[in-house]
């Protein structure tokens, strides 16, 4: 029973860190364009993250929980604990340098590494892992395309509009689009972590085993609250990198980036495809900036982000493997 409590505590730590280092991506642009203050944006993110967790089902949660076959008992709990600790270590390391990373990829890679330590490659559920690869393409490629062409479309539609009236329109529009981003972040990342939390309860014998993962309401609520607290405490470094340093966006570009990223994320969530909200929002911001001028994008910061994104999978896979071996030795 102690092992179960340790796993649940580590899942809570991962959710908190996700709010600290990942959820701020959803509200970075609405703060950088000065539409909302940081406090107002965080409150908005809290409300709509909660709504996303509750209203978008459990398809992504089920996919995440089935990426690796972990079995039951002590080995299964060690696998989950090792994966969560690898998320925390990697996310905090990247946050220290203000680099946005994907906790979604860190979680999945951590699970894979921990699974390998017990069962080898046979632990992978390849059908579910294919969805992860699809999500990687959707977030990285379609995110940029969506941000780029949404911005171009807005410029074409509003080319004769009064600038002051347009700014007023897009200020209100960004409140809506930032709400959509926060909603979709809750639907994606909230589901991933509540899926792991519920899986731990199943492995620990608290919840019954079933073909489709059952996530209790209190788990959804706990995940939402922890994510919100994390965002309010530590999200400002990531907000600065994403919303200010990488591209200095106009209001219409912020609106376009949020709408483009939200569309990608919503489609993936409905299909049960886990994707990185950091990648989706980050590439959409790049696309929105490049639609005006490629030189508007700070490509040095983009390069740092891409390196961090590329390293996330192998680094967290190795971390998950090492942590699982260490836990197995200690416990």
Protein backbone atom coordinates (compact mmCIF):
# COMPACT_ATOMS: atom_id res chain seq x y z
CA UNK A 1 0.00 0.00 0.00
CA UNK A 2 2.93 2.33 0.71
CA UNK A 3 4.15 1.80 -2.87
CA UNK A 4 0.78 2.91 -4.21
CA UNK A 5 0.85 6.09 -2.13
CA UNK A 6 4.35 6.87 -3.42
CA UNK A 7 3.19 6.43 -7.02
CA UNK A 8 0.13 8.64 -6.50
CA UNK A 9 2.29 11.30 -4.87
CA UNK A 10 4.67 11.24 -7.84
CA UNK A 11 1.76 11.50 -10.29
CA UNK A 12 0.55 14.57 -8.36
CA UNK A 13 4.07 16.02 -8.60
CA UNK A 14 4.06 15.43 -12.37
CA UNK A 15 0.69 17.16 -12.75
CA UNK A 16 1.91 20.12 -10.68
CA UNK A 17 5.06 20.39 -12.80
CA UNK A 18 2.96 20.17 -15.96
CA UNK A 19 0.99 23.17 -14.75
CA UNK A 20 4.25 24.89 -13.87
CA UNK A 21 6.08 24.30 -17.16
CA UNK A 22 3.49 23.28 -19.79
CA UNK A 23 0.07 24.87 -19.12
CA UNK A 24 1.55 28.41 -19.42
CA UNK A 25 1.90 27.77 -23.18
CA UNK A 26 -1.86 28.04 -23.48
CA UNK A 27 -1.94 31.61 -22.14
CA UNK A 28 1.48 32.91 -23.25
CA UNK A 29 0.19 34.89 -26.25
CA UNK A 30 -2.79 36.50 -24.53
CA UNK A 31 -0.36 37.87 -21.90
CA UNK A 32 2.36 38.92 -24.35
CA UNK A 33 -0.13 40.94 -26.46
CA UNK A 34 -1.32 42.64 -23.23
CA UNK A 35 -4.92 41.55 -23.69
CA UNK A 36 -5.01 40.04 -20.18
CA UNK A 37 -2.84 40.41 -17.12
CA UNK A 38 -0.96 37.34 -15.92
CA UNK A 39 -3.36 36.87 -12.98
CA UNK A 40 -6.47 37.14 -15.16
CA UNK A 41 -5.00 34.76 -17.74
CA UNK A 42 -4.09 32.20 -15.07
CA UNK A 43 -7.63 32.35 -13.68
CA UNK A 44 -8.97 31.86 -17.21
CA UNK A 45 -6.63 28.90 -17.73
CA UNK A 46 -7.72 27.35 -14.44
CA UNK A 47 -11.41 27.48 -15.33
CA UNK A 48 -11.06 26.16 -18.86
CA UNK A 49 -8.45 23.52 -18.01
CA UNK A 50 -11.01 22.16 -15.56
CA UNK A 51 -13.72 22.24 -18.23
CA UNK A 52 -11.47 20.44 -20.72
CA UNK A 53 -10.70 17.65 -18.26
CA UNK A 54 -14.37 17.08 -17.49
CA UNK A 55 -15.99 17.55 -20.89
CA UNK A 56 -13.78 15.71 -23.40
CA UNK A 57 -14.17 12.11 -22.27
CA UNK A 58 -11.29 9.70 -21.61
CA UNK A 59 -10.05 8.64 -25.06
CA UNK A 60 -6.60 10.20 -24.59
CA UNK A 61 -6.43 8.86 -21.01
CA UNK A 62 -7.06 5.32 -22.28
CA UNK A 63 -4.41 5.63 -25.01
CA UNK A 64 -1.81 6.88 -22.51
CA UNK A 65 -2.62 4.17 -19.96
CA UNK A 66 -2.17 1.49 -22.64
CA UNK A 67 1.09 2.68 -24.25
CA UNK A 68 2.99 0.11 -22.16
CA UNK A 69 1.74 -3.17 -20.73
CA UNK A 70 2.84 -2.96 -17.11
CA UNK A 71 0.97 -5.91 -15.61
CA UNK A 72 0.11 -5.84 -11.92
CA UNK A 73 1.75 -5.81 -8.52
CA UNK A 74 5.06 -4.38 -7.39
CA UNK A 75 6.66 -4.21 -10.86
CA UNK A 76 3.74 -2.25 -12.27
CA UNK A 77 3.86 0.31 -9.46
CA UNK A 78 7.63 0.72 -9.87
CA UNK A 79 7.12 1.30 -13.61
CA UNK A 80 4.60 4.07 -12.94
CA UNK A 81 6.73 5.66 -10.19
CA UNK A 82 9.85 5.68 -12.39
CA UNK A 83 7.97 7.27 -15.30
CA UNK A 84 6.59 10.07 -13.11
CA UNK A 85 9.96 10.86 -11.57
CA UNK A 86 11.55 11.09 -15.03
CA UNK A 87 8.88 13.66 -16.03
CA UNK A 88 9.63 15.80 -12.98
CA UNK A 89 13.42 15.67 -13.44
CA UNK A 90 13.29 16.50 -17.15
CA UNK A 91 10.66 19.23 -16.90
CA UNK A 92 12.40 21.07 -14.05
CA UNK A 93 15.76 20.83 -15.80
CA UNK A 94 14.32 22.48 -18.92
CA UNK A 95 12.37 25.06 -16.88
CA UNK A 96 15.61 26.14 -15.20
CA UNK A 97 16.70 27.48 -18.60
CA UNK A 98 13.26 28.76 -19.58
CA UNK A 99 12.92 26.21 -22.39
CA UNK A 100 9.38 24.89 -23.05
CA UNK A 101 9.38 21.08 -23.24
CA UNK A 102 6.67 18.52 -23.74
CA UNK A 103 5.61 16.78 -20.56
CA UNK A 104 3.38 14.59 -22.74
CA UNK A 105 6.39 13.15 -24.55
CA UNK A 106 8.31 12.98 -21.27
CA UNK A 107 5.49 10.95 -19.70
CA UNK A 108 5.18 8.54 -22.62
CA UNK A 109 8.95 8.09 -22.96
CA UNK A 110 9.29 7.59 -19.20
CA UNK A 111 6.63 4.88 -19.29
CA UNK A 112 8.39 3.21 -22.21
CA UNK A 113 11.80 3.27 -20.52
CA UNK A 114 10.44 1.92 -17.26
CA UNK A 115 8.50 -0.76 -19.15
CA UNK A 116 11.65 -1.86 -21.01
CA UNK A 117 13.49 -2.34 -17.71
CA UNK A 118 11.02 -5.08 -16.74
CA UNK A 119 9.72 -6.63 -19.97
CA UNK A 120 11.95 -5.37 -22.78
CA UNK A 121 10.49 -4.24 -26.10
CA UNK A 122 7.58 -6.64 -25.57
CA UNK A 123 6.15 -4.13 -23.08
CA UNK A 124 5.23 -1.74 -25.90
CA UNK A 125 1.71 -1.64 -27.27
CA UNK A 126 2.63 -0.67 -30.83
CA UNK A 127 -0.92 0.11 -31.93
CA UNK A 128 -1.22 2.74 -29.23
CA UNK A 129 2.32 4.02 -29.87
CA UNK A 130 1.38 4.70 -33.50
CA UNK A 131 -1.07 7.28 -32.19
CA UNK A 132 1.80 9.02 -30.40
CA UNK A 133 3.76 9.24 -33.66
CA UNK A 134 0.70 10.64 -35.44
CA UNK A 135 0.31 13.18 -32.65
CA UNK A 136 3.96 14.22 -33.07
CA UNK A 137 3.33 14.97 -36.75
CA UNK A 138 0.07 16.78 -36.06
CA UNK A 139 1.59 19.00 -33.37
CA UNK A 140 4.84 19.82 -35.16
CA UNK A 141 3.86 20.09 -38.83
CA UNK A 142 0.17 20.91 -38.77
CA UNK A 143 0.67 23.33 -35.88
CA UNK A 144 2.99 25.49 -37.98
CA UNK A 145 0.79 25.23 -41.08
CA UNK A 146 -2.35 26.09 -39.10
CA UNK A 147 -0.71 29.15 -37.48
CA UNK A 148 0.73 30.34 -40.80
CA UNK A 149 -2.37 30.05 -42.96
CA UNK A 150 -4.81 31.22 -40.28
CA UNK A 151 -2.73 34.40 -39.99
CA UNK A 152 -2.65 34.86 -43.77
CA UNK A 153 -6.42 34.39 -43.94
CA UNK A 154 -7.04 36.96 -41.21
CA UNK A 155 -4.78 39.49 -42.96
CA UNK A 156 -6.71 38.98 -46.20
CA UNK A 157 -10.15 39.30 -44.57
CA UNK A 158 -9.25 42.39 -42.50
CA UNK A 159 -6.99 44.19 -44.98
CA UNK A 160 -9.47 47.08 -45.37
CA UNK A 161 -10.65 47.17 -41.76
CA UNK A 162 -10.04 50.08 -39.38
CA UNK A 163 -6.94 49.28 -37.32
CA UNK A 164 -8.38 50.45 -33.99
CA UNK A 165 -11.60 48.50 -34.46
CA UNK A 166 -9.61 45.45 -35.57
CA UNK A 167 -7.46 45.59 -32.43
CA UNK A 168 -10.58 45.80 -30.28
CA UNK A 169 -12.07 42.82 -32.12
CA UNK A 170 -8.93 40.70 -31.74
CA UNK A 171 -8.54 41.66 -28.08
CA UNK A 172 -11.92 40.11 -27.36
CA UNK A 173 -11.13 37.35 -29.84
CA UNK A 174 -7.98 36.45 -27.93
CA UNK A 175 -9.93 36.01 -24.72
CA UNK A 176 -12.01 33.43 -26.59
CA UNK A 177 -9.04 31.78 -28.34
CA UNK A 178 -6.98 31.62 -25.10
CA UNK A 179 -9.97 29.97 -23.42
CA UNK A 180 -10.04 27.42 -26.24
CA UNK A 181 -6.32 26.75 -25.79
CA UNK A 182 -6.71 26.22 -22.04
CA UNK A 183 -9.74 23.97 -22.63
CA UNK A 184 -7.79 21.84 -25.09
CA UNK A 185 -4.77 21.72 -22.79
CA UNK A 186 -7.00 20.29 -20.07
CA UNK A 187 -8.50 17.84 -22.54
CA UNK A 188 -5.05 16.66 -23.66
CA UNK A 189 -2.56 16.89 -20.79
CA UNK A 190 -5.16 16.63 -18.04
CA UNK A 191 -6.40 13.39 -19.57
CA UNK A 192 -2.90 11.91 -19.87
CA UNK A 193 -2.10 12.36 -16.21
CA UNK A 194 -5.53 11.42 -14.90
CA UNK A 195 -5.19 8.26 -17.02
CA UNK A 196 -1.93 7.36 -15.26
CA UNK A 197 -3.44 8.23 -11.85
CA UNK A 198 -6.45 5.99 -12.51
CA UNK A 199 -4.17 3.21 -13.82
CA UNK A 200 -2.21 3.34 -10.54
CA UNK A 201 -5.48 2.95 -8.63
CA UNK A 202 -6.36 -0.09 -10.76
CA UNK A 203 -2.91 -1.66 -10.23
CA UNK A 204 -3.16 -0.91 -6.51
CA UNK A 205 -6.53 -2.64 -6.27
CA UNK A 206 -8.53 0.52 -5.45
CA UNK A 207 -10.42 0.60 -8.76
CA UNK A 208 -11.78 -2.47 -10.55
CA UNK A 209 -10.11 -3.76 -13.71
CA UNK A 210 -12.16 -3.04 -16.82
CA UNK A 211 -11.71 -3.05 -20.60
CA UNK A 212 -12.01 0.76 -20.72
CA UNK A 213 -10.29 2.83 -18.05
CA UNK A 214 -12.71 4.39 -15.55
CA UNK A 215 -11.62 7.78 -14.21
CA UNK A 216 -13.45 8.91 -11.04
CA UNK A 217 -14.69 12.50 -10.84
CA UNK A 218 -12.47 13.23 -7.84
CA UNK A 219 -9.39 12.28 -9.87
CA UNK A 220 -10.38 14.73 -12.62
CA UNK A 221 -10.92 17.46 -10.05
CA UNK A 222 -7.59 16.77 -8.31
CA UNK A 223 -5.66 16.87 -11.59
CA UNK A 224 -7.30 20.16 -12.58
CA UNK A 225 -6.55 21.84 -9.24
CA UNK A 226 -2.91 20.70 -9.16
CA UNK A 227 -2.39 21.90 -12.73
CA UNK A 228 -3.91 25.30 -11.91
CA UNK A 229 -1.76 25.74 -8.79
CA UNK A 230 1.36 24.87 -10.78
CA UNK A 231 0.52 27.43 -13.46
CA UNK A 232 -0.04 30.19 -10.91
CA UNK A 233 3.27 29.55 -9.13
CA UNK A 234 5.89 28.91 -11.75
CA UNK A 235 4.74 29.58 -15.29
CA UNK A 236 6.26 32.99 -15.97
CA UNK A 237 9.59 31.88 -17.44
CA UNK A 238 7.84 29.77 -20.07
CA UNK A 239 5.33 32.54 -20.80
CA UNK A 240 8.22 34.93 -21.46
CA UNK A 241 10.02 32.51 -23.78
CA UNK A 242 6.95 31.50 -25.77
CA UNK A 243 5.01 34.74 -25.84
CA UNK A 244 7.70 37.42 -25.87
CA UNK A 245 11.20 36.24 -26.75
CA UNK A 246 10.49 33.83 -29.61
CA UNK A 247 8.08 36.10 -31.55
CA UNK A 248 6.68 39.51 -30.70
CA UNK A 249 3.10 38.99 -31.83
CA UNK A 250 0.38 41.43 -32.75
CA UNK A 251 -3.08 40.71 -31.36
CA UNK A 252 -4.33 39.20 -34.63
CA UNK A 253 -1.30 36.89 -34.75
CA UNK A 254 -1.89 35.74 -31.18
CA UNK A 255 -5.51 35.00 -32.07
CA UNK A 256 -4.45 33.09 -35.20
CA UNK A 257 -1.85 31.01 -33.33
CA UNK A 258 -4.35 30.03 -30.64
CA UNK A 259 -7.10 29.16 -33.12
CA UNK A 260 -4.72 27.11 -35.27
CA UNK A 261 -3.23 25.18 -32.34
CA UNK A 262 -6.68 24.62 -30.79
CA UNK A 263 -8.04 23.12 -34.00
CA UNK A 264 -5.16 20.61 -34.14
CA UNK A 265 -5.53 19.71 -30.47
CA UNK A 266 -9.31 19.34 -30.56
CA UNK A 267 -9.19 16.95 -33.52
CA UNK A 268 -6.48 14.84 -31.89
CA UNK A 269 -8.37 14.67 -28.57
CA UNK A 270 -11.57 13.46 -30.23
CA UNK A 271 -9.58 10.70 -31.98
CA UNK A 272 -7.79 9.69 -28.77
CA UNK A 273 -4.40 10.81 -30.12
CA UNK A 274 -1.98 12.12 -27.45
CA UNK A 275 -0.05 15.12 -28.69
CA UNK A 276 2.20 17.73 -27.17
CA UNK A 277 0.39 20.98 -26.41
CA UNK A 278 3.81 22.65 -26.19
CA UNK A 279 4.69 21.55 -29.73
CA UNK A 280 1.28 22.48 -31.12
CA UNK A 281 1.23 25.97 -29.58
CA UNK A 282 4.94 26.61 -30.16
CA UNK A 283 4.85 25.76 -33.87
CA UNK A 284 1.58 27.67 -34.33
CA UNK A 285 3.27 30.77 -32.85
CA UNK A 286 6.20 30.25 -35.23
CA UNK A 287 3.78 29.98 -38.15
CA UNK A 288 1.88 33.11 -37.12
CA UNK A 289 5.14 35.07 -36.85
CA UNK A 290 6.54 33.74 -40.13
CA UNK A 291 3.30 34.63 -41.95
CA UNK A 292 4.19 38.29 -41.47
CA UNK A 293 7.98 38.04 -41.93
CA UNK A 294 10.30 35.10 -41.35
CA UNK A 295 12.70 37.51 -39.69
CA UNK A 296 10.06 38.25 -37.02
CA UNK A 297 10.82 34.84 -35.50
CA UNK A 298 13.85 34.51 -33.23
CA UNK A 299 15.21 31.35 -34.84
CA UNK A 300 17.95 30.98 -32.23
CA UNK A 301 15.29 30.40 -29.57
CA UNK A 302 13.43 28.11 -31.98
CA UNK A 303 16.63 26.08 -32.41
CA UNK A 304 17.00 25.70 -28.63
CA UNK A 305 13.38 24.58 -28.36
CA UNK A 306 13.69 22.07 -31.19
CA UNK A 307 16.81 20.57 -29.62
CA UNK A 308 14.98 20.23 -26.29
CA UNK A 309 12.00 18.65 -28.03
CA UNK A 310 14.24 16.20 -29.92
CA UNK A 311 16.06 15.21 -26.73
CA UNK A 312 12.90 14.71 -24.66
CA UNK A 313 12.06 11.23 -25.94
CA UNK A 314 15.50 9.58 -25.66
CA UNK A 315 16.39 11.40 -22.43
CA UNK A 316 13.16 10.47 -20.63
CA UNK A 317 13.26 6.92 -21.97
CA UNK A 318 16.73 6.50 -20.43
CA UNK A 319 15.62 8.28 -17.24
CA UNK A 320 12.58 5.99 -16.94
CA UNK A 321 14.77 2.92 -17.42
CA UNK A 322 17.36 4.06 -14.84
CA UNK A 323 14.75 5.12 -12.28
CA UNK A 324 12.94 1.78 -12.62
CA UNK A 325 16.18 -0.13 -12.05
CA UNK A 326 16.99 2.08 -9.07
CA UNK A 327 13.51 1.68 -7.52
CA UNK A 328 13.63 -2.06 -8.09
CA UNK A 329 16.95 -2.22 -6.21
CA UNK A 330 15.82 0.03 -3.34
CA UNK A 331 12.32 -1.36 -2.85
